[in-house]
Amino acid sequence: MVLMKKHESSDDMRKELDVVLSKLNALEIIAADEFQKGTVKVLRRLVEGQMHSINEFEHIKKALDLTMLQIFEVKNQIKS
Protein backbone atom coordinates (compact mmCIF):
# COMPACT_ATOMS: atom_id res chain seq x y z
CA MET A 1 0.00 0.00 0.00
CA VAL A 2 1.40 3.39 -1.02
CA LEU A 3 0.82 6.25 1.40
CA MET A 4 0.72 9.75 0.00
CA LYS A 5 2.43 12.46 2.02
CA LYS A 6 0.14 15.37 2.85
CA HIS A 7 0.98 18.50 0.86
CA GLU A 8 2.72 21.08 3.03
CA SER A 9 1.54 24.67 3.12
CA SER A 10 3.78 27.32 1.60
CA ASP A 11 4.41 28.76 5.07
CA ASP A 12 5.58 25.35 6.32
CA MET A 13 7.85 24.95 3.30
CA ARG A 14 9.33 28.42 3.84
CA LYS A 15 10.00 27.64 7.51
CA GLU A 16 11.66 24.35 6.60
CA LEU A 17 13.81 26.03 3.95
CA ASP A 18 14.72 28.76 6.45
CA VAL A 19 16.00 26.07 8.81
CA VAL A 20 18.01 24.55 5.96
CA LEU A 21 19.54 27.98 5.23
CA SER A 22 20.53 28.36 8.87
CA LYS A 23 22.22 24.96 8.80
CA LEU A 24 24.03 25.87 5.58
CA ASN A 25 25.30 29.07 7.19
CA ALA A 26 26.69 27.03 10.06
CA LEU A 27 28.28 24.57 7.63
CA GLU A 28 29.96 27.40 5.74
CA ILE A 29 31.52 28.70 8.95
CA ILE A 30 33.07 25.33 9.79
CA ALA A 31 33.96 24.41 6.19
CA ALA A 32 37.58 23.28 6.09
CA ASP A 33 38.43 24.03 2.47
CA GLU A 34 37.27 25.84 -0.67
CA PHE A 35 35.49 22.75 -2.02
CA GLN A 36 33.28 22.53 1.06
CA LYS A 37 32.61 26.28 0.99
CA GLY A 38 31.76 26.08 -2.71
CA THR A 39 29.41 23.18 -2.10
CA VAL A 40 27.61 25.12 0.64
CA LYS A 41 27.27 28.12 -1.70
CA VAL A 42 25.69 25.92 -4.37
CA LEU A 43 23.29 24.39 -1.85
CA ARG A 44 22.39 27.83 -0.51
CA ARG A 45 21.62 29.06 -4.03
CA LEU A 46 19.36 26.04 -4.62
CA VAL A 47 17.46 26.64 -1.39
CA GLU A 48 17.10 30.35 -2.14
CA GLY A 49 15.80 29.45 -5.60
CA GLN A 50 13.25 27.11 -4.08
CA MET A 51 12.10 29.87 -1.71
CA HIS A 52 11.77 32.24 -4.65
CA SER A 53 9.71 29.65 -6.54
CA ILE A 54 7.35 29.27 -3.59
CA ASN A 55 6.89 33.05 -3.40
CA GLU A 56 6.26 33.31 -7.15
CA PHE A 57 3.75 30.47 -6.98
CA GLU A 58 1.85 32.35 -4.26
CA HIS A 59 1.72 35.44 -6.51
CA ILE A 60 0.40 33.35 -9.39
CA LYS A 61 -2.30 31.83 -7.16
CA LYS A 62 -3.43 35.31 -6.08
CA ALA A 63 -3.49 36.51 -9.68
CA LEU A 64 -5.59 33.50 -10.71
CA ASP A 65 -8.01 34.12 -7.85
CA LEU A 66 -8.43 37.76 -8.88
CA THR A 67 -8.91 36.73 -12.52
CA MET A 68 -11.59 34.22 -11.56
CA LEU A 69 -13.41 36.87 -9.51
CA GLN A 70 -13.39 39.19 -12.50
CA ILE A 71 -14.72 36.42 -14.77
CA PHE A 72 -17.60 35.70 -12.37
CA GLU A 73 -18.41 39.42 -12.10
CA VAL A 74 -18.57 39.73 -15.90
CA LYS A 75 -20.65 36.55 -16.10
CA ASN A 76 -23.11 37.93 -13.54
CA GLN A 77 -23.33 41.27 -15.36
CA ILE A 78 -24.09 39.50 -18.63
CA LYS A 79 -26.88 37.44 -16.99
CA SER A 80 -28.57 40.49 -15.46
PDB file of N, CA and C in Angstrom:
ATOM      1  N   MET A   1       0.833  -1.172   0.000  1.00  0.00           N
ATOM      2  CA  MET A   1       0.000   0.000   0.000  1.00  0.00           C
ATOM      3  C   MET A   1       0.887   1.248   0.000  1.00  0.00           C
ATOM      4  N   VAL A   2       0.619   2.166  -0.908  1.00  0.00           N
ATOM      5  CA  VAL A   2       1.396   3.391  -1.020  1.00  0.00           C
ATOM      6  C   VAL A   2       0.673   4.502  -0.263  1.00  0.00           C
ATOM      7  N   LEU A   3       1.396   5.144   0.642  1.00  0.00           N
ATOM      8  CA  LEU A   3       0.823   6.248   1.403  1.00  0.00           C
ATOM      9  C   LEU A   3       1.313   7.558   0.813  1.00  0.00           C
ATOM     10  N   MET A   4       0.376   8.450   0.555  1.00  0.00           N
ATOM     11  CA  MET A   4       0.724   9.750   0.003  1.00  0.00           C
ATOM     12  C   MET A   4       1.014  10.711   1.151  1.00  0.00           C
ATOM     13  N   LYS A   5       2.100  11.455   1.025  1.00  0.00           N
ATOM     14  CA  LYS A   5       2.431  12.459   2.020  1.00  0.00           C
ATOM     15  C   LYS A   5       1.518  13.673   1.820  1.00  0.00           C
ATOM     16  N   LYS A   6       1.007  14.193   2.924  1.00  0.00           N
ATOM     17  CA  LYS A   6       0.136  15.370   2.849  1.00  0.00           C
ATOM     18  C   LYS A   6       0.942  16.555   2.321  1.00  0.00           C
ATOM     19  N   HIS A   7       0.326  17.329   1.430  1.00  0.00           N
ATOM     20  CA  HIS A   7       0.984  18.500   0.859  1.00  0.00           C
ATOM     21  C   HIS A   7       1.193  19.556   1.938  1.00  0.00           C
ATOM     22  N   GLU A   8       2.412  20.058   2.033  1.00  0.00           N
ATOM     23  CA  GLU A   8       2.721  21.080   3.030  1.00  0.00           C
ATOM     24  C   GLU A   8       2.266  22.452   2.545  1.00  0.00           C
ATOM     25  N   SER A   9       1.913  23.305   3.476  1.00  0.00           N
ATOM     26  CA  SER A   9       1.543  24.670   3.119  1.00  0.00           C
ATOM     27  C   SER A   9       2.807  25.439   2.730  1.00  0.00           C
ATOM     28  N   SER A  10       2.619  26.531   2.019  1.00  0.00           N
ATOM     29  CA  SER A  10       3.779  27.318   1.600  1.00  0.00           C
ATOM     30  C   SER A  10       4.513  27.902   2.817  1.00  0.00           C
ATOM     31  N   ASP A  11       3.767  28.248   3.859  1.00  0.00           N
ATOM     32  CA  ASP A  11       4.413  28.756   5.072  1.00  0.00           C
ATOM     33  C   ASP A  11       5.291  27.687   5.710  1.00  0.00           C
ATOM     34  N   ASP A  12       4.793  26.451   5.756  1.00  0.00           N
ATOM     35  CA  ASP A  12       5.583  25.352   6.321  1.00  0.00           C
ATOM     36  C   ASP A  12       6.833  25.094   5.487  1.00  0.00           C
ATOM     37  N   MET A  13       6.686  25.161   4.171  1.00  0.00           N
ATOM     38  CA  MET A  13       7.845  24.952   3.297  1.00  0.00           C
ATOM     39  C   MET A  13       8.874  26.053   3.496  1.00  0.00           C
ATOM     40  N   ARG A  14       8.410  27.301   3.617  1.00  0.00           N
ATOM     41  CA  ARG A  14       9.334  28.416   3.843  1.00  0.00           C
ATOM     42  C   ARG A  14      10.072  28.244   5.163  1.00  0.00           C
ATOM     43  N   LYS A  15       9.357  27.854   6.206  1.00  0.00           N
ATOM     44  CA  LYS A  15       9.995  27.637   7.514  1.00  0.00           C
ATOM     45  C   LYS A  15      11.054  26.541   7.429  1.00  0.00           C
ATOM     46  N   GLU A  16      10.712  25.456   6.739  1.00  0.00           N
ATOM     47  CA  GLU A  16      11.657  24.351   6.596  1.00  0.00           C
ATOM     48  C   GLU A  16      12.893  24.791   5.809  1.00  0.00           C
ATOM     49  N   LEU A  17      12.678  25.546   4.754  1.00  0.00           N
ATOM     50  CA  LEU A  17      13.809  26.030   3.953  1.00  0.00           C
ATOM     51  C   LEU A  17      14.637  27.044   4.736  1.00  0.00           C
ATOM     52  N   ASP A  18      13.995  27.823   5.592  1.00  0.00           N
ATOM     53  CA  ASP A  18      14.715  28.761   6.450  1.00  0.00           C
ATOM     54  C   ASP A  18      15.651  28.014   7.400  1.00  0.00           C
ATOM     55  N   VAL A  19      15.171  26.899   7.935  1.00  0.00           N
ATOM     56  CA  VAL A  19      15.998  26.065   8.810  1.00  0.00           C
ATOM     57  C   VAL A  19      17.187  25.511   8.029  1.00  0.00           C
ATOM     58  N   VAL A  20      16.932  25.074   6.799  1.00  0.00           N
ATOM     59  CA  VAL A  20      18.010  24.554   5.963  1.00  0.00           C
ATOM     60  C   VAL A  20      19.052  25.649   5.712  1.00  0.00           C
ATOM     61  N   LEU A  21      18.597  26.875   5.432  1.00  0.00           N
ATOM     62  CA  LEU A  21      19.537  27.977   5.225  1.00  0.00           C
ATOM     63  C   LEU A  21      20.383  28.236   6.463  1.00  0.00           C
ATOM     64  N   SER A  22      19.781  28.164   7.629  1.00  0.00           N
ATOM     65  CA  SER A  22      20.531  28.356   8.873  1.00  0.00           C
ATOM     66  C   SER A  22      21.604  27.284   9.026  1.00  0.00           C
ATOM     67  N   LYS A  23      21.251  26.058   8.707  1.00  0.00           N
ATOM     68  CA  LYS A  23      22.221  24.960   8.799  1.00  0.00           C
ATOM     69  C   LYS A  23      23.339  25.141   7.782  1.00  0.00           C
ATOM     70  N   LEU A  24      22.998  25.621   6.593  1.00  0.00           N
ATOM     71  CA  LEU A  24      24.025  25.872   5.583  1.00  0.00           C
ATOM     72  C   LEU A  24      24.976  26.980   6.025  1.00  0.00           C
ATOM     73  N   ASN A  25      24.442  28.008   6.671  1.00  0.00           N
ATOM     74  CA  ASN A  25      25.300  29.073   7.192  1.00  0.00           C
ATOM     75  C   ASN A  25      26.291  28.523   8.204  1.00  0.00           C
ATOM     76  N   ALA A  26      25.813  27.648   9.071  1.00  0.00           N
ATOM     77  CA  ALA A  26      26.693  27.030  10.062  1.00  0.00           C
ATOM     78  C   ALA A  26      27.745  26.158   9.379  1.00  0.00           C
ATOM     79  N   LEU A  27      27.330  25.425   8.352  1.00  0.00           N
ATOM     80  CA  LEU A  27      28.283  24.573   7.630  1.00  0.00           C
ATOM     81  C   LEU A  27      29.358  25.411   6.948  1.00  0.00           C
ATOM     82  N   GLU A  28      28.971  26.557   6.418  1.00  0.00           N
ATOM     83  CA  GLU A  28      29.959  27.402   5.742  1.00  0.00           C
ATOM     84  C   GLU A  28      31.011  27.906   6.728  1.00  0.00           C
ATOM     85  N   ILE A  29      30.588  28.197   7.938  1.00  0.00           N
ATOM     86  CA  ILE A  29      31.524  28.699   8.952  1.00  0.00           C
ATOM     87  C   ILE A  29      32.558  27.643   9.306  1.00  0.00           C
ATOM     88  N   ILE A  30      32.133  26.388   9.382  1.00  0.00           N
ATOM     89  CA  ILE A  30      33.072  25.332   9.789  1.00  0.00           C
ATOM     90  C   ILE A  30      33.716  24.616   8.606  1.00  0.00           C
ATOM     91  N   ALA A  31      33.403  25.056   7.377  1.00  0.00           N
ATOM     92  CA  ALA A  31      33.965  24.408   6.186  1.00  0.00           C
ATOM     93  C   ALA A  31      35.487  24.505   6.235  1.00  0.00           C
ATOM     94  N   ALA A  32      36.125  23.366   5.954  1.00  0.00           N
ATOM     95  CA  ALA A  32      37.579  23.280   6.088  1.00  0.00           C
ATOM     96  C   ALA A  32      38.333  23.744   4.848  1.00  0.00           C
ATOM     97  N   ASP A  33      37.700  23.660   3.689  1.00  0.00           N
ATOM     98  CA  ASP A  33      38.425  24.032   2.469  1.00  0.00           C
ATOM     99  C   ASP A  33      37.488  24.691   1.466  1.00  0.00           C
ATOM    100  N   GLU A  34      38.047  25.117   0.346  1.00  0.00           N
ATOM    101  CA  GLU A  34      37.272  25.837  -0.670  1.00  0.00           C
ATOM    102  C   GLU A  34      36.205  24.952  -1.315  1.00  0.00           C
ATOM    103  N   PHE A  35      36.486  23.655  -1.437  1.00  0.00           N
ATOM    104  CA  PHE A  35      35.491  22.752  -2.021  1.00  0.00           C
ATOM    105  C   PHE A  35      34.236  22.714  -1.159  1.00  0.00           C
ATOM    106  N   GLN A  36      34.416  22.565   0.149  1.00  0.00           N
ATOM    107  CA  GLN A  36      33.276  22.534   1.056  1.00  0.00           C
ATOM    108  C   GLN A  36      32.525  23.865   1.038  1.00  0.00           C
ATOM    109  N   LYS A  37      33.258  24.969   1.036  1.00  0.00           N
ATOM    110  CA  LYS A  37      32.614  26.284   0.993  1.00  0.00           C
ATOM    111  C   LYS A  37      31.847  26.458  -0.314  1.00  0.00           C
ATOM    112  N   GLY A  38      32.430  25.993  -1.418  1.00  0.00           N
ATOM    113  CA  GLY A  38      31.760  26.076  -2.709  1.00  0.00           C
ATOM    114  C   GLY A  38      30.493  25.246  -2.747  1.00  0.00           C
ATOM    115  N   THR A  39      30.569  24.057  -2.156  1.00  0.00           N
ATOM    116  CA  THR A  39      29.406  23.178  -2.097  1.00  0.00           C
ATOM    117  C   THR A  39      28.271  23.825  -1.308  1.00  0.00           C
ATOM    118  N   VAL A  40      28.616  24.437  -0.185  1.00  0.00           N
ATOM    119  CA  VAL A  40      27.610  25.121   0.635  1.00  0.00           C
ATOM    120  C   VAL A  40      26.983  26.270  -0.152  1.00  0.00           C
ATOM    121  N   LYS A  41      27.796  27.008  -0.915  1.00  0.00           N
ATOM    122  CA  LYS A  41      27.266  28.117  -1.703  1.00  0.00           C
ATOM    123  C   LYS A  41      26.277  27.621  -2.754  1.00  0.00           C
ATOM    124  N   VAL A  42      26.591  26.498  -3.379  1.00  0.00           N
ATOM    125  CA  VAL A  42      25.689  25.919  -4.375  1.00  0.00           C
ATOM    126  C   VAL A  42      24.384  25.499  -3.706  1.00  0.00           C
ATOM    127  N   LEU A  43      24.487  24.826  -2.569  1.00  0.00           N
ATOM    128  CA  LEU A  43      23.288  24.392  -1.850  1.00  0.00           C
ATOM    129  C   LEU A  43      22.450  25.586  -1.411  1.00  0.00           C
ATOM    130  N   ARG A  44      23.113  26.641  -0.932  1.00  0.00           N
ATOM    131  CA  ARG A  44      22.389  27.835  -0.505  1.00  0.00           C
ATOM    132  C   ARG A  44      21.618  28.428  -1.691  1.00  0.00           C
ATOM    133  N   ARG A  45      22.270  28.490  -2.843  1.00  0.00           N
ATOM    134  CA  ARG A  45      21.617  29.058  -4.032  1.00  0.00           C
ATOM    135  C   ARG A  45      20.393  28.223  -4.424  1.00  0.00           C
ATOM    136  N   LEU A  46      20.503  26.906  -4.313  1.00  0.00           N
ATOM    137  CA  LEU A  46      19.365  26.042  -4.623  1.00  0.00           C
ATOM    138  C   LEU A  46      18.205  26.274  -3.664  1.00  0.00           C
ATOM    139  N   VAL A  47      18.505  26.399  -2.387  1.00  0.00           N
ATOM    140  CA  VAL A  47      17.464  26.638  -1.386  1.00  0.00           C
ATOM    141  C   VAL A  47      16.829  28.006  -1.604  1.00  0.00           C
ATOM    142  N   GLU A  48      17.645  29.015  -1.885  1.00  0.00           N
ATOM    143  CA  GLU A  48      17.097  30.347  -2.143  1.00  0.00           C
ATOM    144  C   GLU A  48      16.219  30.336  -3.391  1.00  0.00           C
ATOM    145  N   GLY A  49      16.615  29.585  -4.398  1.00  0.00           N
ATOM    146  CA  GLY A  49      15.804  29.454  -5.605  1.00  0.00           C
ATOM    147  C   GLY A  49      14.471  28.792  -5.316  1.00  0.00           C
ATOM    148  N   GLN A  50      14.493  27.792  -4.455  1.00  0.00           N
ATOM    149  CA  GLN A  50      13.254  27.115  -4.077  1.00  0.00           C
ATOM    150  C   GLN A  50      12.331  28.067  -3.327  1.00  0.00           C
ATOM    151  N   MET A  51      12.900  28.882  -2.443  1.00  0.00           N
ATOM    152  CA  MET A  51      12.097  29.866  -1.707  1.00  0.00           C
ATOM    153  C   MET A  51      11.487  30.880  -2.673  1.00  0.00           C
ATOM    154  N   HIS A  52      12.267  31.307  -3.651  1.00  0.00           N
ATOM    155  CA  HIS A  52      11.768  32.244  -4.650  1.00  0.00           C
ATOM    156  C   HIS A  52      10.619  31.622  -5.444  1.00  0.00           C
ATOM    157  N   SER A  53      10.766  30.348  -5.791  1.00  0.00           N
ATOM    158  CA  SER A  53       9.706  29.653  -6.541  1.00  0.00           C
ATOM    159  C   SER A  53       8.415  29.585  -5.739  1.00  0.00           C
ATOM    160  N   ILE A  54       8.531  29.320  -4.456  1.00  0.00           N
ATOM    161  CA  ILE A  54       7.346  29.267  -3.592  1.00  0.00           C
ATOM    162  C   ILE A  54       6.665  30.631  -3.564  1.00  0.00           C
ATOM    163  N   ASN A  55       7.458  31.695  -3.422  1.00  0.00           N
ATOM    164  CA  ASN A  55       6.894  33.050  -3.403  1.00  0.00           C
ATOM    165  C   ASN A  55       6.214  33.386  -4.726  1.00  0.00           C
ATOM    166  N   GLU A  56       6.850  33.041  -5.840  1.00  0.00           N
ATOM    167  CA  GLU A  56       6.263  33.311  -7.151  1.00  0.00           C
ATOM    168  C   GLU A  56       4.969  32.523  -7.342  1.00  0.00           C
ATOM    169  N   PHE A  57       4.948  31.290  -6.878  1.00  0.00           N
ATOM    170  CA  PHE A  57       3.748  30.474  -6.984  1.00  0.00           C
ATOM    171  C   PHE A  57       2.596  31.109  -6.217  1.00  0.00           C
ATOM    172  N   GLU A  58       2.882  31.666  -5.050  1.00  0.00           N
ATOM    173  CA  GLU A  58       1.851  32.349  -4.265  1.00  0.00           C
ATOM    174  C   GLU A  58       1.296  33.546  -5.038  1.00  0.00           C
ATOM    175  N   HIS A  59       2.179  34.302  -5.704  1.00  0.00           N
ATOM    176  CA  HIS A  59       1.721  35.440  -6.507  1.00  0.00           C
ATOM    177  C   HIS A  59       0.826  34.973  -7.652  1.00  0.00           C
ATOM    178  N   ILE A  60       1.201  33.878  -8.283  1.00  0.00           N
ATOM    179  CA  ILE A  60       0.403  33.346  -9.391  1.00  0.00           C
ATOM    180  C   ILE A  60      -0.971  32.903  -8.894  1.00  0.00           C
ATOM    181  N   LYS A  61      -1.007  32.253  -7.723  1.00  0.00           N
ATOM    182  CA  LYS A  61      -2.297  31.833  -7.165  1.00  0.00           C
ATOM    183  C   LYS A  61      -3.202  33.035  -6.907  1.00  0.00           C
ATOM    184  N   LYS A  62      -2.633  34.101  -6.351  1.00  0.00           N
ATOM    185  CA  LYS A  62      -3.427  35.305  -6.082  1.00  0.00           C
ATOM    186  C   LYS A  62      -3.936  35.919  -7.380  1.00  0.00           C
ATOM    187  N   ALA A  63      -3.074  35.945  -8.386  1.00  0.00           N
ATOM    188  CA  ALA A  63      -3.490  36.506  -9.681  1.00  0.00           C
ATOM    189  C   ALA A  63      -4.608  35.677 -10.295  1.00  0.00           C
ATOM    190  N   LEU A  64      -4.530  34.362 -10.196  1.00  0.00           N
ATOM    191  CA  LEU A  64      -5.591  33.498 -10.714  1.00  0.00           C
ATOM    192  C   LEU A  64      -6.896  33.717  -9.960  1.00  0.00           C
ATOM    193  N   ASP A  65      -6.804  33.859  -8.651  1.00  0.00           N
ATOM    194  CA  ASP A  65      -8.009  34.115  -7.853  1.00  0.00           C
ATOM    195  C   ASP A  65      -8.672  35.424  -8.284  1.00  0.00           C
ATOM    196  N   LEU A  66      -7.872  36.474  -8.458  1.00  0.00           N
ATOM    197  CA  LEU A  66      -8.428  37.762  -8.885  1.00  0.00           C
ATOM    198  C   LEU A  66      -9.031  37.667 -10.287  1.00  0.00           C
ATOM    199  N   THR A  67      -8.384  36.918 -11.160  1.00  0.00           N
ATOM    200  CA  THR A  67      -8.912  36.732 -12.518  1.00  0.00           C
ATOM    201  C   THR A  67     -10.246  36.003 -12.486  1.00  0.00           C
ATOM    202  N   MET A  68     -10.333  34.969 -11.668  1.00  0.00           N
ATOM    203  CA  MET A  68     -11.589  34.218 -11.561  1.00  0.00           C
ATOM    204  C   MET A  68     -12.702  35.104 -11.011  1.00  0.00           C
ATOM    205  N   LEU A  69     -12.400  35.946 -10.037  1.00  0.00           N
ATOM    206  CA  LEU A  69     -13.408  36.871  -9.507  1.00  0.00           C
ATOM    207  C   LEU A  69     -13.914  37.803 -10.602  1.00  0.00           C
ATOM    208  N   GLN A  70     -12.999  38.307 -11.405  1.00  0.00           N
ATOM    209  CA  GLN A  70     -13.391  39.188 -12.503  1.00  0.00           C
ATOM    210  C   GLN A  70     -14.263  38.451 -13.522  1.00  0.00           C
ATOM    211  N   ILE A  71     -13.924  37.222 -13.822  1.00  0.00           N
ATOM    212  CA  ILE A  71     -14.720  36.424 -14.770  1.00  0.00           C
ATOM    213  C   ILE A  71     -16.129  36.226 -14.238  1.00  0.00           C
ATOM    214  N   PHE A  72     -16.266  35.901 -12.952  1.00  0.00           N
ATOM    215  CA  PHE A  72     -17.595  35.704 -12.373  1.00  0.00           C
ATOM    216  C   PHE A  72     -18.390  37.005 -12.346  1.00  0.00           C
ATOM    217  N   GLU A  73     -17.709  38.127 -12.082  1.00  0.00           N
ATOM    218  CA  GLU A  73     -18.407  39.418 -12.102  1.00  0.00           C
ATOM    219  C   GLU A  73     -18.938  39.719 -13.496  1.00  0.00           C
ATOM    220  N   VAL A  74     -18.131  39.486 -14.510  1.00  0.00           N
ATOM    221  CA  VAL A  74     -18.568  39.727 -15.896  1.00  0.00           C
ATOM    222  C   VAL A  74     -19.708  38.786 -16.247  1.00  0.00           C
ATOM    223  N   LYS A  75     -19.596  37.530 -15.837  1.00  0.00           N
ATOM    224  CA  LYS A  75     -20.651  36.552 -16.102  1.00  0.00           C
ATOM    225  C   LYS A  75     -21.967  37.005 -15.465  1.00  0.00           C
ATOM    226  N   ASN A  76     -21.907  37.465 -14.232  1.00  0.00           N
ATOM    227  CA  ASN A  76     -23.112  37.932 -13.536  1.00  0.00           C
ATOM    228  C   ASN A  76     -23.699  39.181 -14.185  1.00  0.00           C
ATOM    229  N   GLN A  77     -22.847  40.061 -14.684  1.00  0.00           N
ATOM    230  CA  GLN A  77     -23.330  41.266 -15.360  1.00  0.00           C
ATOM    231  C   GLN A  77     -24.022  40.907 -16.676  1.00  0.00           C
ATOM    232  N   ILE A  78     -23.497  39.913 -17.367  1.00  0.00           N
ATOM    233  CA  ILE A  78     -24.090  39.500 -18.631  1.00  0.00           C
ATOM    234  C   ILE A  78     -25.468  38.873 -18.387  1.00  0.00           C
ATOM    235  N   LYS A  79     -25.610  38.100 -17.299  1.00  0.00           N
ATOM    236  CA  LYS A  79     -26.879  37.436 -16.989  1.00  0.00           C
ATOM    237  C   LYS A  79     -27.952  38.429 -16.579  1.00  0.00           C
ATOM    238  N   SER A  80     -27.555  39.550 -15.961  1.00  0.00           N
ATOM    239  CA  SER A  80     -28.572  40.492 -15.464  1.00  0.00           C
ATOM    240  C   SER A  80     -28.860  41.613 -16.430  1.00  0.00           C
TER     241      SER A  80
END
